[in-house]
Every structure is written in C-alpha cells, then in structure tokens.
Amino acid sequence: MRIDKFLKVSRVLKRRTLAQEACEKGKVCVNGKAVKSGHKIKVGDEVEINYTYGSVKFIIKELKETVKKDEAASLYEIIRTVGDEE
C-alpha cells in the first residue's frame, strides 16, 4: 500500500491530497528516510510525520484498503508525539 493512501485510510491525515503534499514537502519519513507519496509501506514500518507544531511517530500494525472511522486507530500504534503538550 502507498504511504499517502495509508495516511488517509488510517485517518492520520484527513485527505489523500494532504498526505501527498506532506510527502512532497519532506514531512513524512518511513524508517528514518523522507519518502514520496508513492512509497510502498508494510506492517512494522515506523512512520514519522512532522507538523508545524510538532511531530508524531507510529508503527504500522495492519494494512487495509478501507476501515470504519472507529477502527482506523487500530491500524497503527503511536510511539511518541511531540508538540501540543508543551
């Protein structure tokens, strides 16, 4: 699955276009490397997204083409967040 689609399906980012823009600006890293929107991901990959106010890092637990809103968070496990709480 492509990283931009995963970010949309998992609802980490609201729209796929936002995910694509974040990737193109170098704000999305997979396993420590900045990736483009077409980068293929797999279960166990570590993803970090850098926002204006901080960042979030998570591990991909499951890949699905579609999920219901209340199941979306089960696709990943947050390792750490930096920002808002400061």
N, C-alpha and C. Protein backbone atom coordinates (compact mmCIF):
# COMPACT_ATOMS: atom_id res chain seq x y z
N MET A 1 0.85 -1.17 0.00
CA MET A 1 0.00 0.00 0.00
C MET A 1 0.90 1.24 0.00
N ARG A 2 0.45 2.27 -0.68
CA ARG A 2 1.18 3.54 -0.73
C ARG A 2 1.02 4.29 0.60
N ILE A 3 2.05 5.03 0.98
CA ILE A 3 2.01 5.78 2.24
C ILE A 3 0.89 6.81 2.24
N ASP A 4 0.66 7.49 1.12
CA ASP A 4 -0.39 8.51 1.10
C ASP A 4 -1.77 7.90 1.32
N LYS A 5 -2.01 6.73 0.75
CA LYS A 5 -3.30 6.07 0.94
C LYS A 5 -3.45 5.59 2.39
N PHE A 6 -2.37 5.05 2.96
CA PHE A 6 -2.45 4.59 4.35
C PHE A 6 -2.77 5.75 5.29
N LEU A 7 -2.13 6.89 5.10
CA LEU A 7 -2.37 8.05 5.96
C LEU A 7 -3.82 8.51 5.89
N LYS A 8 -4.44 8.39 4.72
CA LYS A 8 -5.85 8.76 4.55
C LYS A 8 -6.76 7.70 5.17
N VAL A 9 -6.53 6.43 4.84
CA VAL A 9 -7.39 5.34 5.34
C VAL A 9 -7.34 5.27 6.87
N SER A 10 -6.15 5.46 7.43
CA SER A 10 -5.99 5.38 8.89
C SER A 10 -6.45 6.66 9.58
N ARG A 11 -6.77 7.67 8.79
CA ARG A 11 -7.22 8.96 9.28
C ARG A 11 -6.17 9.71 10.09
N VAL A 12 -4.90 9.41 9.83
CA VAL A 12 -3.82 10.19 10.42
C VAL A 12 -3.88 11.59 9.80
N LEU A 13 -4.13 11.64 8.49
CA LEU A 13 -4.39 12.90 7.79
C LEU A 13 -5.76 12.78 7.13
N LYS A 14 -6.49 13.91 7.06
CA LYS A 14 -7.89 13.86 6.63
C LYS A 14 -8.09 13.51 5.17
N ARG A 15 -7.22 14.02 4.30
CA ARG A 15 -7.42 13.78 2.87
C ARG A 15 -6.13 13.27 2.23
N ARG A 16 -6.29 12.51 1.17
CA ARG A 16 -5.12 11.96 0.48
C ARG A 16 -4.27 13.07 -0.12
N THR A 17 -4.90 14.15 -0.59
CA THR A 17 -4.13 15.25 -1.15
C THR A 17 -3.23 15.89 -0.09
N LEU A 18 -3.72 15.97 1.15
CA LEU A 18 -2.89 16.49 2.24
C LEU A 18 -1.71 15.56 2.50
N ALA A 19 -1.95 14.27 2.44
CA ALA A 19 -0.89 13.28 2.63
C ALA A 19 0.15 13.41 1.52
N GLN A 20 -0.30 13.59 0.29
CA GLN A 20 0.62 13.74 -0.83
C GLN A 20 1.45 15.00 -0.69
N GLU A 21 0.83 16.10 -0.30
CA GLU A 21 1.55 17.36 -0.11
C GLU A 21 2.60 17.23 1.00
N ALA A 22 2.23 16.58 2.10
CA ALA A 22 3.18 16.39 3.20
C ALA A 22 4.38 15.58 2.75
N CYS A 23 4.13 14.55 1.95
CA CYS A 23 5.23 13.72 1.43
C CYS A 23 6.13 14.53 0.50
N GLU A 24 5.53 15.28 -0.39
CA GLU A 24 6.32 16.05 -1.36
C GLU A 24 7.14 17.14 -0.68
N LYS A 25 6.70 17.62 0.48
CA LYS A 25 7.45 18.64 1.22
C LYS A 25 8.47 18.03 2.17
N GLY A 26 8.60 16.70 2.17
CA GLY A 26 9.59 16.02 3.01
C GLY A 26 9.20 15.91 4.47
N LYS A 27 7.92 16.00 4.77
CA LYS A 27 7.46 15.96 6.16
C LYS A 27 7.11 14.56 6.64
N VAL A 28 7.16 13.57 5.74
CA VAL A 28 6.83 12.19 6.09
C VAL A 28 8.07 11.31 5.93
N CYS A 29 8.44 10.62 7.01
CA CYS A 29 9.59 9.72 6.98
C CYS A 29 9.13 8.31 7.31
N VAL A 30 9.67 7.33 6.59
CA VAL A 30 9.41 5.92 6.87
C VAL A 30 10.76 5.28 7.18
N ASN A 31 10.85 4.68 8.35
CA ASN A 31 12.09 4.05 8.82
C ASN A 31 13.27 5.01 8.73
N GLY A 32 13.03 6.28 9.08
CA GLY A 32 14.09 7.27 9.15
C GLY A 32 14.45 7.99 7.86
N LYS A 33 13.76 7.69 6.76
CA LYS A 33 14.07 8.32 5.48
C LYS A 33 12.83 9.05 4.96
N ALA A 34 13.03 10.28 4.46
CA ALA A 34 11.93 11.03 3.85
C ALA A 34 11.47 10.27 2.61
N VAL A 35 10.14 10.18 2.43
CA VAL A 35 9.60 9.42 1.30
C VAL A 35 8.61 10.24 0.49
N LYS A 36 8.43 9.84 -0.75
CA LYS A 36 7.43 10.43 -1.64
C LYS A 36 6.10 9.71 -1.42
N SER A 37 5.03 10.27 -1.96
CA SER A 37 3.69 9.74 -1.72
C SER A 37 3.48 8.33 -2.26
N GLY A 38 4.25 7.90 -3.24
CA GLY A 38 4.09 6.57 -3.81
C GLY A 38 4.87 5.48 -3.11
N HIS A 39 5.57 5.83 -2.03
CA HIS A 39 6.39 4.85 -1.31
C HIS A 39 5.52 3.72 -0.77
N LYS A 40 5.95 2.48 -1.02
CA LYS A 40 5.21 1.30 -0.55
C LYS A 40 5.59 1.02 0.90
N ILE A 41 4.58 0.81 1.73
CA ILE A 41 4.80 0.52 3.14
C ILE A 41 4.38 -0.91 3.45
N LYS A 42 4.82 -1.39 4.61
CA LYS A 42 4.44 -2.73 5.06
C LYS A 42 4.25 -2.71 6.57
N VAL A 43 3.63 -3.75 7.08
CA VAL A 43 3.42 -3.87 8.51
C VAL A 43 4.78 -3.86 9.20
N GLY A 44 4.88 -3.10 10.29
CA GLY A 44 6.12 -3.00 11.04
C GLY A 44 6.94 -1.76 10.71
N ASP A 45 6.61 -1.07 9.62
CA ASP A 45 7.33 0.16 9.28
C ASP A 45 7.06 1.23 10.33
N GLU A 46 8.07 2.05 10.57
CA GLU A 46 7.98 3.15 11.53
C GLU A 46 7.82 4.45 10.73
N VAL A 47 6.74 5.16 10.98
CA VAL A 47 6.42 6.38 10.23
C VAL A 47 6.48 7.58 11.16
N GLU A 48 7.07 8.67 10.68
CA GLU A 48 7.09 9.92 11.43
C GLU A 48 6.58 11.04 10.54
N ILE A 49 5.67 11.83 11.07
CA ILE A 49 5.13 12.98 10.35
C ILE A 49 5.47 14.23 11.14
N ASN A 50 6.11 15.18 10.48
CA ASN A 50 6.49 16.43 11.11
C ASN A 50 5.48 17.51 10.73
N TYR A 51 4.81 18.04 11.76
CA TYR A 51 3.84 19.11 11.58
C TYR A 51 4.50 20.43 11.96
N THR A 52 3.79 21.51 11.73
CA THR A 52 4.28 22.84 12.12
C THR A 52 4.50 22.90 13.62
N TYR A 53 3.59 22.29 14.39
CA TYR A 53 3.63 22.38 15.85
C TYR A 53 4.37 21.23 16.53
N GLY A 54 4.81 20.24 15.80
CA GLY A 54 5.49 19.10 16.42
C GLY A 54 5.54 17.91 15.48
N SER A 55 5.54 16.71 16.05
CA SER A 55 5.58 15.52 15.21
C SER A 55 4.88 14.36 15.91
N VAL A 56 4.58 13.35 15.11
CA VAL A 56 4.00 12.12 15.64
C VAL A 56 4.75 10.95 14.98
N LYS A 57 5.04 9.94 15.78
CA LYS A 57 5.75 8.77 15.29
C LYS A 57 4.92 7.54 15.65
N PHE A 58 4.74 6.64 14.68
CA PHE A 58 3.93 5.45 14.93
C PHE A 58 4.43 4.26 14.12
N ILE A 59 4.01 3.07 14.54
CA ILE A 59 4.33 1.83 13.85
C ILE A 59 3.07 1.32 13.17
N ILE A 60 3.21 0.87 11.94
CA ILE A 60 2.07 0.32 11.21
C ILE A 60 1.80 -1.09 11.69
N LYS A 61 0.58 -1.33 12.18
CA LYS A 61 0.20 -2.63 12.71
C LYS A 61 -0.57 -3.48 11.70
N GLU A 62 -1.30 -2.81 10.81
CA GLU A 62 -2.15 -3.53 9.87
C GLU A 62 -2.40 -2.67 8.63
N LEU A 63 -2.54 -3.31 7.48
CA LEU A 63 -2.87 -2.61 6.24
C LEU A 63 -4.24 -3.07 5.75
N LYS A 64 -5.13 -2.12 5.51
CA LYS A 64 -6.46 -2.42 4.98
C LYS A 64 -6.81 -1.35 3.96
N GLU A 65 -7.55 -1.75 2.94
CA GLU A 65 -7.96 -0.80 1.90
C GLU A 65 -8.99 0.21 2.42
N THR A 66 -9.90 -0.26 3.27
CA THR A 66 -10.90 0.62 3.87
C THR A 66 -11.19 0.16 5.29
N VAL A 67 -11.51 1.12 6.14
CA VAL A 67 -11.92 0.80 7.51
C VAL A 67 -12.98 1.79 7.95
N LYS A 68 -13.76 1.40 8.93
CA LYS A 68 -14.72 2.33 9.52
C LYS A 68 -13.97 3.29 10.42
N LYS A 69 -14.58 4.44 10.65
CA LYS A 69 -13.94 5.51 11.42
C LYS A 69 -13.45 5.02 12.78
N ASP A 70 -14.26 4.25 13.48
CA ASP A 70 -13.88 3.80 14.83
C ASP A 70 -12.81 2.71 14.82
N GLU A 71 -12.52 2.12 13.66
CA GLU A 71 -11.48 1.10 13.55
C GLU A 71 -10.15 1.65 13.05
N ALA A 72 -10.15 2.88 12.57
CA ALA A 72 -8.98 3.46 11.92
C ALA A 72 -7.75 3.46 12.83
N ALA A 73 -7.91 3.79 14.09
CA ALA A 73 -6.77 3.86 15.01
C ALA A 73 -6.13 2.49 15.28
N SER A 74 -6.82 1.42 14.95
CA SER A 74 -6.26 0.08 15.17
C SER A 74 -5.20 -0.28 14.12
N LEU A 75 -5.06 0.53 13.08
CA LEU A 75 -4.09 0.25 12.03
C LEU A 75 -2.66 0.63 12.41
N TYR A 76 -2.52 1.44 13.46
CA TYR A 76 -1.20 1.90 13.87
C TYR A 76 -1.11 2.03 15.39
N GLU A 77 0.13 2.09 15.88
CA GLU A 77 0.37 2.28 17.31
C GLU A 77 1.32 3.47 17.47
N ILE A 78 0.86 4.49 18.17
CA ILE A 78 1.67 5.69 18.37
C ILE A 78 2.83 5.40 19.33
N ILE A 79 4.02 5.77 18.90
CA ILE A 79 5.21 5.61 19.73
C ILE A 79 5.44 6.87 20.55
N ARG A 80 5.36 8.02 19.87
CA ARG A 80 5.52 9.28 20.59
C ARG A 80 4.92 10.44 19.81
N THR A 81 4.54 11.47 20.54
CA THR A 81 4.11 12.72 19.94
C THR A 81 4.90 13.84 20.59
N VAL A 82 5.23 14.82 19.81
CA VAL A 82 5.97 15.98 20.32
C VAL A 82 5.22 17.21 19.85
N GLY A 83 5.00 18.14 20.76
CA GLY A 83 4.34 19.37 20.36
C GLY A 83 3.30 19.86 21.31
N ASP A 84 2.05 19.67 20.95
CA ASP A 84 0.88 20.23 21.66
C ASP A 84 1.02 20.36 23.17
N GLU A 85 1.58 19.37 23.82
CA GLU A 85 1.61 19.39 25.28
C GLU A 85 2.58 20.41 25.86
N GLU A 86 3.44 21.00 25.03
CA GLU A 86 4.44 21.95 25.54
C GLU A 86 3.87 23.30 25.84
